[in-house]
C-alpha atoms as a PDB file:
ATOM      1  CA  MET A   1      25.840  29.099  31.490  1.00  0.00           C
ATOM      2  CA  SER A   2      29.578  29.620  31.105  1.00  0.00           C
ATOM      3  CA  ILE A   3      32.447  27.479  32.330  1.00  0.00           C
ATOM      4  CA  LYS A   4      35.094  29.190  34.356  1.00  0.00           C
ATOM      5  CA  THR A   5      38.811  28.430  33.971  1.00  0.00           C
ATOM      6  CA  LYS A   6      39.069  26.536  37.250  1.00  0.00           C
ATOM      7  CA  ASP A   7      36.096  24.347  36.212  1.00  0.00           C
ATOM      8  CA  VAL A   8      37.879  23.393  32.973  1.00  0.00           C
ATOM      9  CA  THR A   9      41.042  22.562  34.921  1.00  0.00           C
ATOM     10  CA  ALA A  10      39.028  20.263  37.181  1.00  0.00           C
ATOM     11  CA  LEU A  11      37.584  18.490  34.126  1.00  0.00           C
ATOM     12  CA  LYS A  12      40.964  17.707  32.525  1.00  0.00           C
ATOM     13  CA  GLY A  13      41.157  14.328  34.215  1.00  0.00           C
ATOM     14  CA  ILE A  14      37.638  13.423  33.041  1.00  0.00           C
ATOM     15  CA  ILE A  15      37.811  14.447  29.376  1.00  0.00           C
ATOM     16  CA  ARG A  16      39.754  11.827  27.459  1.00  0.00           C
ATOM     17  CA  LYS A  17      39.387  13.143  23.903  1.00  0.00           C
ATOM     18  CA  PRO A  18      39.657  16.694  22.652  1.00  0.00           C
ATOM     19  CA  VAL A  19      36.310  18.246  21.811  1.00  0.00           C
ATOM     20  CA  ARG A  20      35.810  18.775  18.093  1.00  0.00           C
ATOM     21  CA  PRO A  21      32.920  19.872  15.895  1.00  0.00           C
ATOM     22  CA  VAL A  22      30.537  17.158  14.786  1.00  0.00           C
ATOM     23  CA  THR A  23      30.191  16.715  11.028  1.00  0.00           C
ATOM     24  CA  ILE A  24      26.844  16.506   9.258  1.00  0.00           C
ATOM     25  CA  ARG A  25      27.614  12.893   8.343  1.00  0.00           C
ATOM     26  CA  GLU A  26      28.134  12.054  11.999  1.00  0.00           C
ATOM     27  CA  MET A  27      24.820  13.697  12.885  1.00  0.00           C
ATOM     28  CA  ASN A  28      23.139  11.586  10.201  1.00  0.00           C
ATOM     29  CA  LEU A  29      20.380  14.146   9.766  1.00  0.00           C
ATOM     30  CA  ASP A  30      18.495  11.923   7.340  1.00  0.00           C
ATOM     31  CA  ALA A  31      17.973   9.381  10.145  1.00  0.00           C
ATOM     32  CA  GLN A  32      18.747   6.481   7.817  1.00  0.00           C
ATOM     33  CA  PRO A  33      19.564   3.037   9.188  1.00  0.00           C
ATOM     34  CA  ALA A  34      23.248   2.166   9.657  1.00  0.00           C
ATOM     35  CA  SER A  35      23.241   0.336   6.315  1.00  0.00           C
ATOM     36  CA  HIS A  36      20.976   1.284   3.447  1.00  0.00           C
ATOM     37  CA  TRP A  37      21.017   2.022  -0.272  1.00  0.00           C
ATOM     38  CA  ASN A  38      19.385   4.356  -2.732  1.00  0.00           C
ATOM     39  CA  TYR A  39      19.701   5.408  -6.334  1.00  0.00           C
ATOM     40  CA  ARG A  40      22.195   8.194  -7.067  1.00  0.00           C
ATOM     41  CA  VAL A  41      23.570   9.827 -10.174  1.00  0.00           C
ATOM     42  CA  MET A  42      27.244   8.940 -10.597  1.00  0.00           C
ATOM     43  CA  GLN A  43      29.684  10.778 -12.847  1.00  0.00           C
ATOM     44  CA  PHE A  44      32.545   8.913 -14.496  1.00  0.00           C
ATOM     45  CA  THR A  45      35.502   9.997 -16.594  1.00  0.00           C
ATOM     46  CA  GLY A  46      37.408   7.847 -19.041  1.00  0.00           C
ATOM     47  CA  GLY A  47      40.081   9.494 -21.152  1.00  0.00           C
ATOM     48  CA  GLU A  48      38.543  12.654 -22.559  1.00  0.00           C
ATOM     49  CA  GLU A  49      34.953  11.503 -22.054  1.00  0.00           C
ATOM     50  CA  SER A  50      32.686  12.033 -19.066  1.00  0.00           C
ATOM     51  CA  TRP A  51      29.249  10.524 -18.523  1.00  0.00           C
ATOM     52  CA  ARG A  52      26.577  10.123 -15.859  1.00  0.00           C
ATOM     53  CA  ALA A  53      24.333   7.199 -14.982  1.00  0.00           C
ATOM     54  CA  ILE A  54      22.026   6.194 -12.147  1.00  0.00           C
ATOM     55  CA  HIS A  55      23.563   3.525  -9.885  1.00  0.00           C
ATOM     56  CA  GLU A  56      22.596   1.865  -6.629  1.00  0.00           C
ATOM     57  CA  VAL A  57      24.743   3.436  -3.902  1.00  0.00           C
ATOM     58  CA  HIS A  58      25.221   1.645  -0.582  1.00  0.00           C
ATOM     59  CA  TYR A  59      25.880   3.461   2.696  1.00  0.00           C
ATOM     60  CA  ARG A  60      27.378   2.655   6.079  1.00  0.00           C
ATOM     61  CA  ASP A  61      26.444   5.013   8.884  1.00  0.00           C
ATOM     62  CA  GLY A  62      25.131   7.516   6.357  1.00  0.00           C
ATOM     63  CA  VAL A  63      28.372   7.637   4.344  1.00  0.00           C
ATOM     64  CA  PRO A  64      28.482   6.418   0.718  1.00  0.00           C
ATOM     65  CA  TRP A  65      30.408   3.140   0.839  1.00  0.00           C
ATOM     66  CA  GLY A  66      30.003   1.452  -2.518  1.00  0.00           C
ATOM     67  CA  TYR A  67      28.092   1.456  -5.767  1.00  0.00           C
ATOM     68  CA  THR A  68      27.014  -1.066  -8.363  1.00  0.00           C
ATOM     69  CA  GLU A  69      29.403  -1.754 -11.229  1.00  0.00           C
ATOM     70  CA  LYS A  70      26.678  -1.377 -13.848  1.00  0.00           C
ATOM     71  CA  PRO A  71      23.987   1.327 -13.982  1.00  0.00           C
ATOM     72  CA  ALA A  72      20.599   0.503 -12.494  1.00  0.00           C
ATOM     73  CA  ILE A  73      17.855  -0.801 -14.730  1.00  0.00           C
ATOM     74  CA  VAL A  74      14.116  -0.817 -14.135  1.00  0.00           C
ATOM     75  CA  HIS A  75      12.971  -4.367 -13.426  1.00  0.00           C
ATOM     76  CA  TRP A  76      10.820  -6.070 -10.809  1.00  0.00           C
ATOM     77  CA  ASP A  77       9.580  -9.490  -9.831  1.00  0.00           C
ATOM     78  CA  LEU A  78       5.963 -10.178 -10.678  1.00  0.00           C
ATOM     79  CA  ASP A  79       5.309 -11.093  -7.040  1.00  0.00           C
ATOM     80  CA  MET A  80       5.968  -7.398  -6.276  1.00  0.00           C
ATOM     81  CA  GLY A  81       2.972  -6.556  -8.444  1.00  0.00           C
ATOM     82  CA  ASP A  82       2.067  -6.893 -12.070  1.00  0.00           C
ATOM     83  CA  ASP A  83       0.514  -3.453 -12.417  1.00  0.00           C
ATOM     84  CA  ASP A  84       2.224  -0.172 -13.282  1.00  0.00           C
ATOM     85  CA  SER A  85       2.514   0.979  -9.652  1.00  0.00           C
ATOM     86  CA  THR A  86       5.669  -1.050  -8.988  1.00  0.00           C
ATOM     87  CA  ALA A  87       7.441   0.340 -12.053  1.00  0.00           C
ATOM     88  CA  LEU A  88       6.300   3.866 -11.215  1.00  0.00           C
ATOM     89  CA  ALA A  89       7.629   3.547  -7.644  1.00  0.00           C
ATOM     90  CA  ILE A  90      11.043   2.462  -8.952  1.00  0.00           C
ATOM     91  CA  LEU A  91      11.088   5.302 -11.477  1.00  0.00           C
ATOM     92  CA  GLU A  92      10.152   7.786  -8.752  1.00  0.00           C
ATOM     93  CA  ARG A  93      13.131   6.683  -6.638  1.00  0.00           C
ATOM     94  CA  MET A  94      15.367   7.123  -9.681  1.00  0.00           C
ATOM     95  CA  ARG A  95      13.852  10.574 -10.309  1.00  0.00           C
ATOM     96  CA  GLU A  96      14.697  11.546  -6.720  1.00  0.00           C
ATOM     97  CA  ALA A  97      18.325  10.607  -7.439  1.00  0.00           C
ATOM     98  CA  ILE A  98      18.506  13.309 -10.103  1.00  0.00           C
ATOM     99  CA  SER A  99      17.654  16.007  -7.541  1.00  0.00           C
ATOM    100  CA  LYS A 100      20.520  14.982  -5.217  1.00  0.00           C
ATOM    101  CA  PRO A 101      24.186  15.987  -5.603  1.00  0.00           C
ATOM    102  CA  VAL A 102      26.089  13.992  -8.214  1.00  0.00           C
ATOM    103  CA  LEU A 103      28.587  11.490  -6.789  1.00  0.00           C
ATOM    104  CA  ARG A 104      31.992  10.747  -8.281  1.00  0.00           C
ATOM    105  CA  VAL A 105      34.333   7.793  -7.816  1.00  0.00           C
ATOM    106  CA  ALA A 106      36.562   9.984  -5.613  1.00  0.00           C
ATOM    107  CA  ASP A 107      33.677  10.265  -3.127  1.00  0.00           C
ATOM    108  CA  PHE A 108      34.285   6.599  -2.298  1.00  0.00           C
ATOM    109  CA  ASP A 109      38.075   6.796  -1.806  1.00  0.00           C
ATOM    110  CA  ARG A 110      38.673   6.393   1.928  1.00  0.00           C
ATOM    111  CA  GLU A 111      41.500   5.239   4.122  1.00  0.00           C
ATOM    112  CA  ASP A 112      39.154   2.848   5.954  1.00  0.00           C
ATOM    113  CA  ALA A 113      37.764   1.139   2.818  1.00  0.00           C
ATOM    114  CA  ASP A 114      37.480  -2.656   2.885  1.00  0.00           C
END
């Protein structure tokens, strides 16, 4: 179906915002909740040195919003389970972080930051 010129002219009073492409972040293809977190590899630079570490990264509407100051460590409360399965589940989530794109501090620089 195509829209003819006169149809577009008739719609001018109805359309309030210009139509623009939708970004992947807006589509939120991962179908994550509005706020969530996961482990991600972060890259940092200080002077002439660069290093990477796994951090907890927090998201708002699928967009990285913040990260923990210190790298993540593997620890769990005993009420979560005292067998190896809890530790293995945490390590698996950290392993998944390695397969995702590396984040940098600049990925969190936004005009709308708190």
